[in-house]
């Protein structure tokens, strides 16, 4: 890769993930702790419930443009969300099914309350979005996909004429057992907590100087992750929110509130921990072998973009 490609490849990857994060909404008041939702059952006594059946989405003319102050306009030209058994990203595709009447997606509203070590009480109403547990998979008809493939092509063209085309493809994806809570923290923007439970058969990031019809086969231009199994907690409701905001200069700010003396005991006693398991990572032809990371907890995190708009 030349210097331009190396500099923007990581930015392409981050932007792709940010633009593909889901936004959800609606329903009723039944409290559930973060610890209980860590074992989410996908069924609420009072909730809006639904399933996804034989779903797919394709676009080869999809175009989302971002202008960069640094002189690097960006556009998303292709998008594919199809069943995992599809023989191609954009042709001969199948749909996928997630959930059933006994194990659906659920959407609820609930009142949250937290008292820290100094007896300071925080309260909010959160929107809770929970994925099915995966129990529905046993009830699916033979040949019906319960996993999906998500593929997108993002292109950058620098004012110098240099181009970078980045394919991002997650193949054989499952998000079962994930949940997210959303609430508004006055003065801090949108707040989020929850658990990402992500499993993929293969994840491919492929950087190319010239865009191809689909991710290429040149091992020297690819990052490939085999059998990713990630369970990752996103903060904790009220006392350690993940805040998402935009500053006056249009920079995106993602910040996970720091644990302090008033919240540390509760955090270490009750907050869920995450794990990461990977069979192998191939980067530009080099292989890492198996990777295991257990007991993941974040005490503080801040990510801020520059010159995106």
Protein backbone atom coordinates (compact mmCIF):
# COMPACT_ATOMS: atom_id res chain seq x y z
CA UNK A 1 0.00 0.00 0.00
CA UNK A 2 1.24 3.55 -0.71
CA UNK A 3 1.32 6.26 1.97
CA UNK A 4 -2.16 7.57 1.11
CA UNK A 5 -3.72 4.10 1.32
CA UNK A 6 -2.04 3.38 4.66
CA UNK A 7 -3.23 6.69 6.11
CA UNK A 8 -6.92 6.31 5.27
CA UNK A 9 -7.46 2.54 5.44
CA UNK A 10 -8.10 2.66 9.21
CA UNK A 11 -10.43 5.67 8.79
CA UNK A 12 -12.43 3.79 6.12
CA UNK A 13 -12.81 0.84 8.49
CA UNK A 14 -14.00 3.01 11.42
CA UNK A 15 -16.45 4.97 9.28
CA UNK A 16 -17.96 1.80 7.83
CA UNK A 17 -18.75 0.45 11.31
CA UNK A 18 -20.14 3.79 12.56
CA UNK A 19 -22.46 4.18 9.59
CA UNK A 20 -23.76 0.63 9.94
CA UNK A 21 -24.74 0.89 13.64
CA UNK A 22 -28.51 0.39 14.13
CA UNK A 23 -30.91 3.06 15.48
CA UNK A 24 -34.12 1.76 17.07
CA UNK A 25 -37.26 3.09 18.93
CA UNK A 26 -40.56 2.55 21.24
CA UNK A 27 -42.85 0.73 24.04
CA UNK A 28 -43.66 0.13 27.97
CA UNK A 29 -42.30 0.45 31.61
CA UNK A 30 -40.82 -2.73 33.15
CA UNK A 31 -37.46 -2.40 34.97
CA UNK A 32 -34.63 -4.75 34.10
CA UNK A 33 -31.07 -4.45 35.39
CA UNK A 34 -27.98 -4.61 33.20
CA UNK A 35 -27.14 -7.91 34.90
CA UNK A 36 -30.53 -9.38 33.95
CA UNK A 37 -30.28 -8.13 30.37
CA UNK A 38 -26.85 -9.72 30.08
CA UNK A 39 -28.88 -12.97 30.08
CA UNK A 40 -31.62 -11.43 27.90
CA UNK A 41 -34.30 -13.93 26.88
CA UNK A 42 -35.74 -11.93 24.00
CA UNK A 43 -39.22 -12.00 25.59
CA UNK A 44 -40.82 -9.12 27.48
CA UNK A 45 -44.01 -9.32 29.54
CA UNK A 46 -45.00 -5.95 28.08
CA UNK A 47 -43.15 -5.01 24.92
CA UNK A 48 -43.30 -4.42 21.21
CA UNK A 49 -42.12 -7.70 19.68
CA UNK A 50 -41.35 -8.61 16.08
CA UNK A 51 -39.41 -11.03 13.88
CA UNK A 52 -37.47 -10.70 10.62
CA UNK A 53 -38.43 -13.24 7.95
CA UNK A 54 -36.83 -13.85 4.54
CA UNK A 55 -35.22 -10.41 4.57
CA UNK A 56 -32.55 -9.05 2.23
CA UNK A 57 -31.40 -5.63 0.97
CA UNK A 58 -29.28 -4.94 -2.11
CA UNK A 59 -28.05 -1.80 -3.84
CA UNK A 60 -25.39 -1.35 -6.48
CA UNK A 61 -26.35 2.30 -7.01
CA UNK A 62 -26.38 3.25 -3.32
CA UNK A 63 -24.51 6.51 -2.82
CA UNK A 64 -23.77 8.27 0.46
CA UNK A 65 -21.25 11.07 0.08
CA UNK A 66 -19.11 12.64 2.81
CA UNK A 67 -17.00 15.75 2.16
CA UNK A 68 -13.72 16.04 4.06
CA UNK A 69 -11.95 19.32 4.92
CA UNK A 70 -8.76 17.40 4.22
CA UNK A 71 -9.78 17.12 0.54
CA UNK A 72 -10.80 13.45 0.63
CA UNK A 73 -14.44 13.08 -0.54
CA UNK A 74 -15.91 9.70 0.29
CA UNK A 75 -18.83 7.75 -1.12
CA UNK A 76 -20.49 4.40 -0.39
CA UNK A 77 -21.26 2.84 -3.76
CA UNK A 78 -22.46 -0.70 -2.99
CA UNK A 79 -24.41 -2.33 -0.17
CA UNK A 80 -25.56 -5.91 0.40
CA UNK A 81 -27.43 -7.51 3.34
CA UNK A 82 -28.36 -11.10 2.44
CA UNK A 83 -28.64 -14.62 3.84
CA UNK A 84 -25.38 -16.36 4.71
CA UNK A 85 -25.92 -19.17 2.19
CA UNK A 86 -26.08 -16.72 -0.74
CA UNK A 87 -23.66 -17.76 -3.48
CA UNK A 88 -22.77 -14.15 -4.32
CA UNK A 89 -22.95 -10.73 -2.64
CA UNK A 90 -25.20 -9.18 -5.31
CA UNK A 91 -26.52 -12.08 -7.43
CA UNK A 92 -28.18 -15.42 -6.59
CA UNK A 93 -28.94 -14.15 -3.09
CA UNK A 94 -31.15 -15.56 -0.34
CA UNK A 95 -32.99 -13.83 2.50
CA UNK A 96 -32.50 -14.56 6.21
CA UNK A 97 -34.87 -15.09 9.17
CA UNK A 98 -34.25 -14.00 12.77
CA UNK A 99 -36.63 -14.72 15.66
CA UNK A 100 -40.05 -16.31 16.00
CA UNK A 101 -43.17 -15.81 18.15
CA UNK A 102 -41.51 -17.46 21.17
CA UNK A 103 -38.11 -15.79 20.72
CA UNK A 104 -38.58 -12.37 19.07
CA UNK A 105 -36.87 -9.01 19.00
CA UNK A 106 -38.30 -6.83 21.80
CA UNK A 107 -38.58 -3.11 22.31
CA UNK A 108 -39.57 -1.64 25.70
CA UNK A 109 -39.43 1.53 27.78
CA UNK A 110 -38.36 1.24 31.40
CA UNK A 111 -37.57 3.45 34.36
CA UNK A 112 -33.94 3.34 35.54
CA UNK A 113 -32.55 4.35 38.94
CA UNK A 114 -29.03 4.17 40.39
CA UNK A 115 -27.65 5.25 43.79
CA UNK A 116 -23.89 5.68 44.03
CA UNK A 117 -21.61 5.31 47.08
CA UNK A 118 -22.31 8.95 48.06
CA UNK A 119 -26.09 8.30 48.03
CA UNK A 120 -26.54 10.43 44.91
CA UNK A 121 -29.55 9.14 42.95
CA UNK A 122 -29.70 9.19 39.13
CA UNK A 123 -32.91 8.43 37.23
CA UNK A 124 -33.98 8.16 33.58
CA UNK A 125 -36.39 6.40 31.24
CA UNK A 126 -34.51 4.19 28.78
CA UNK A 127 -35.49 2.59 25.52
CA UNK A 128 -34.40 -1.07 25.59
CA UNK A 129 -33.84 -3.00 22.36
CA UNK A 130 -33.12 -6.74 22.76
CA UNK A 131 -32.27 -9.34 20.12
CA UNK A 132 -33.63 -12.91 20.27
CA UNK A 133 -31.59 -15.50 22.21
CA UNK A 134 -31.16 -17.83 19.27
CA UNK A 135 -33.62 -20.45 20.52
CA UNK A 136 -35.65 -19.84 17.35
CA UNK A 137 -32.90 -21.38 15.20
CA UNK A 138 -33.98 -24.94 16.13
CA UNK A 139 -37.47 -24.20 14.78
CA UNK A 140 -36.40 -22.91 11.36
CA UNK A 141 -37.17 -25.01 8.30
CA UNK A 142 -34.20 -26.79 6.67
CA UNK A 143 -32.28 -24.46 4.37
CA UNK A 144 -33.53 -21.22 6.01
CA UNK A 145 -30.69 -18.86 6.93
CA UNK A 146 -30.46 -17.65 10.53
CA UNK A 147 -27.19 -15.80 9.78
CA UNK A 148 -26.56 -12.99 7.31
CA UNK A 149 -23.78 -11.46 5.21
CA UNK A 150 -23.21 -7.68 5.37
CA UNK A 151 -21.04 -6.18 2.63
CA UNK A 152 -20.30 -2.58 1.66
CA UNK A 153 -17.88 -0.78 -0.67
CA UNK A 154 -16.49 2.63 0.35
CA UNK A 155 -14.38 4.75 -1.98
CA UNK A 156 -12.08 7.70 -1.26
CA UNK A 157 -10.51 9.95 -3.89
CA UNK A 158 -7.83 12.40 -2.75
CA UNK A 159 -7.38 15.74 -4.54
CA UNK A 160 -4.02 14.41 -5.72
CA UNK A 161 -5.87 11.77 -7.76
CA UNK A 162 -5.00 8.83 -5.48
CA UNK A 163 -7.90 6.46 -4.84
CA UNK A 164 -8.69 3.89 -2.18
CA UNK A 165 -11.60 1.46 -2.42
CA UNK A 166 -12.33 -0.51 0.75
CA UNK A 167 -14.58 -3.54 0.85
CA UNK A 168 -15.97 -4.46 4.29
CA UNK A 169 -17.65 -7.86 4.44
CA UNK A 170 -18.98 -9.72 7.48
CA UNK A 171 -20.02 -13.23 6.51
CA UNK A 172 -22.15 -15.62 8.56
CA UNK A 173 -23.15 -12.97 11.14
CA UNK A 174 -25.23 -13.53 14.27
CA UNK A 175 -26.18 -10.83 16.83
CA UNK A 176 -28.35 -13.05 19.03
CA UNK A 177 -28.33 -12.13 22.76
CA UNK A 178 -27.30 -8.51 22.11
CA UNK A 179 -29.18 -5.70 23.84
CA UNK A 180 -28.96 -1.91 23.91
CA UNK A 181 -30.39 0.80 26.19
CA UNK A 182 -30.83 4.39 24.96
CA UNK A 183 -31.65 7.46 27.06
CA UNK A 184 -31.02 11.21 27.01
CA UNK A 185 -28.54 12.59 29.55
CA UNK A 186 -29.11 16.39 29.74
CA UNK A 187 -26.10 18.27 28.40
CA UNK A 188 -24.35 15.08 27.24
CA UNK A 189 -26.39 14.02 24.21
CA UNK A 190 -27.54 10.48 23.51
CA UNK A 191 -26.47 7.90 26.11
CA UNK A 192 -26.12 4.18 25.43
CA UNK A 193 -25.33 1.04 27.40
CA UNK A 194 -25.73 -2.64 26.61
CA UNK A 195 -24.00 -5.71 25.27
CA UNK A 196 -22.75 -6.47 21.77
CA UNK A 197 -22.84 -10.21 21.13
CA UNK A 198 -21.31 -10.59 17.67
CA UNK A 199 -20.37 -13.84 15.94
CA UNK A 200 -19.08 -14.03 12.36
CA UNK A 201 -17.75 -16.91 10.31
CA UNK A 202 -15.44 -14.53 8.41
CA UNK A 203 -14.70 -10.81 8.45
CA UNK A 204 -12.86 -9.33 5.45
CA UNK A 205 -11.43 -5.81 5.01
CA UNK A 206 -10.02 -5.46 1.51
CA UNK A 207 -8.24 -2.27 0.33
CA UNK A 208 -7.78 -1.80 -3.42
CA UNK A 209 -6.42 0.90 -5.73
CA UNK A 210 -9.09 0.01 -8.31
CA UNK A 211 -12.60 -1.05 -7.29
CA UNK A 212 -13.52 -4.63 -8.24
CA UNK A 213 -16.98 -6.18 -8.55
CA UNK A 214 -16.64 -7.68 -5.06
CA UNK A 215 -13.92 -8.28 -2.44
CA UNK A 216 -10.82 -9.54 -4.25
CA UNK A 217 -8.65 -12.57 -3.63
CA UNK A 218 -5.26 -10.84 -3.32
CA UNK A 219 -4.02 -11.90 0.13
CA UNK A 220 -1.61 -8.96 0.15
CA UNK A 221 -4.48 -6.45 0.28
CA UNK A 222 -6.76 -8.18 2.79
CA UNK A 223 -7.32 -8.46 6.50
CA UNK A 224 -9.27 -11.63 7.25
CA UNK A 225 -10.64 -12.68 10.66
CA UNK A 226 -11.88 -16.28 10.96
CA UNK A 227 -14.63 -17.30 13.43
CA UNK A 228 -14.92 -14.10 15.47
CA UNK A 229 -16.89 -14.52 18.72
CA UNK A 230 -17.19 -11.21 20.59
CA UNK A 231 -19.16 -10.47 23.74
CA UNK A 232 -18.55 -6.81 24.55
CA UNK A 233 -20.27 -4.74 27.29
CA UNK A 234 -20.99 -1.10 26.46
CA UNK A 235 -20.88 0.73 29.77
CA UNK A 236 -23.60 0.48 32.43
CA UNK A 237 -26.94 2.23 32.68
CA UNK A 238 -26.85 5.74 34.25
CA UNK A 239 -23.49 5.56 36.05
CA UNK A 240 -21.26 4.66 33.06
CA UNK A 241 -23.03 5.70 29.86
CA UNK A 242 -21.52 5.73 26.39
CA UNK A 243 -22.32 9.27 25.17
CA UNK A 244 -22.53 10.19 21.49
CA UNK A 245 -22.40 13.88 20.55
CA UNK A 246 -21.19 16.34 17.89
CA UNK A 247 -19.15 19.41 18.88
CA UNK A 248 -19.30 22.93 17.38
CA UNK A 249 -16.73 21.97 14.73
CA UNK A 250 -18.86 19.00 13.59
CA UNK A 251 -16.52 16.41 15.09
CA UNK A 252 -18.16 13.20 16.27
CA UNK A 253 -17.39 12.44 19.94
CA UNK A 254 -17.93 9.00 21.47
CA UNK A 255 -17.09 8.90 25.18
CA UNK A 256 -17.54 6.21 27.82
CA UNK A 257 -17.80 7.87 31.24
CA UNK A 258 -14.92 7.12 33.62
CA UNK A 259 -15.45 4.93 36.68
CA UNK A 260 -14.75 6.89 39.89
CA UNK A 261 -14.71 6.27 43.65
CA UNK A 262 -18.48 6.63 43.93
CA UNK A 263 -19.20 3.99 41.25
CA UNK A 264 -16.17 1.66 41.35
CA UNK A 265 -17.53 -0.82 43.91
CA UNK A 266 -20.78 -1.34 42.01
CA UNK A 267 -18.94 -1.56 38.69
CA UNK A 268 -16.48 -4.27 39.76
CA UNK A 269 -19.12 -6.24 41.72
CA UNK A 270 -21.94 -6.30 39.15
CA UNK A 271 -20.99 -5.02 35.68
CA UNK A 272 -20.84 -7.72 32.97
CA UNK A 273 -17.48 -8.63 31.49
CA UNK A 274 -16.79 -9.43 27.85
CA UNK A 275 -14.77 -11.99 25.92
CA UNK A 276 -13.12 -12.20 22.51
CA UNK A 277 -12.29 -15.43 20.69
CA UNK A 278 -10.79 -15.64 17.19
CA UNK A 279 -9.54 -18.73 15.35
CA UNK A 280 -7.10 -16.81 13.15
CA UNK A 281 -6.29 -13.35 11.77
CA UNK A 282 -4.56 -12.96 8.41
CA UNK A 283 -3.04 -9.52 7.73
CA UNK A 284 -1.35 -8.91 4.39
CA UNK A 285 -0.45 -12.61 4.15
CA UNK A 286 0.72 -13.06 7.76
CA UNK A 287 -1.27 -15.22 10.22
CA UNK A 288 -1.70 -14.67 13.95
CA UNK A 289 -3.19 -18.00 15.01
CA UNK A 290 -5.89 -18.29 17.71
CA UNK A 291 -6.56 -15.35 20.05
CA UNK A 292 -8.47 -15.40 23.36
CA UNK A 293 -9.17 -12.36 25.56
CA UNK A 294 -11.42 -12.84 28.60
CA UNK A 295 -12.86 -10.55 31.29
CA UNK A 296 -13.07 -7.36 29.17
CA UNK A 297 -14.20 -4.22 31.02
CA UNK A 298 -13.65 -0.60 29.98
CA UNK A 299 -13.00 1.97 32.73
CA UNK A 300 -12.88 4.92 30.31
CA UNK A 301 -12.90 5.54 26.56
CA UNK A 302 -12.97 8.62 24.33
CA UNK A 303 -12.97 8.68 20.52
CA UNK A 304 -13.09 11.97 18.60
CA UNK A 305 -13.04 12.37 14.83
CA UNK A 306 -11.37 15.20 12.93
CA UNK A 307 -12.36 16.90 9.65
CA UNK A 308 -15.20 14.52 8.75
CA UNK A 309 -17.44 17.34 7.54
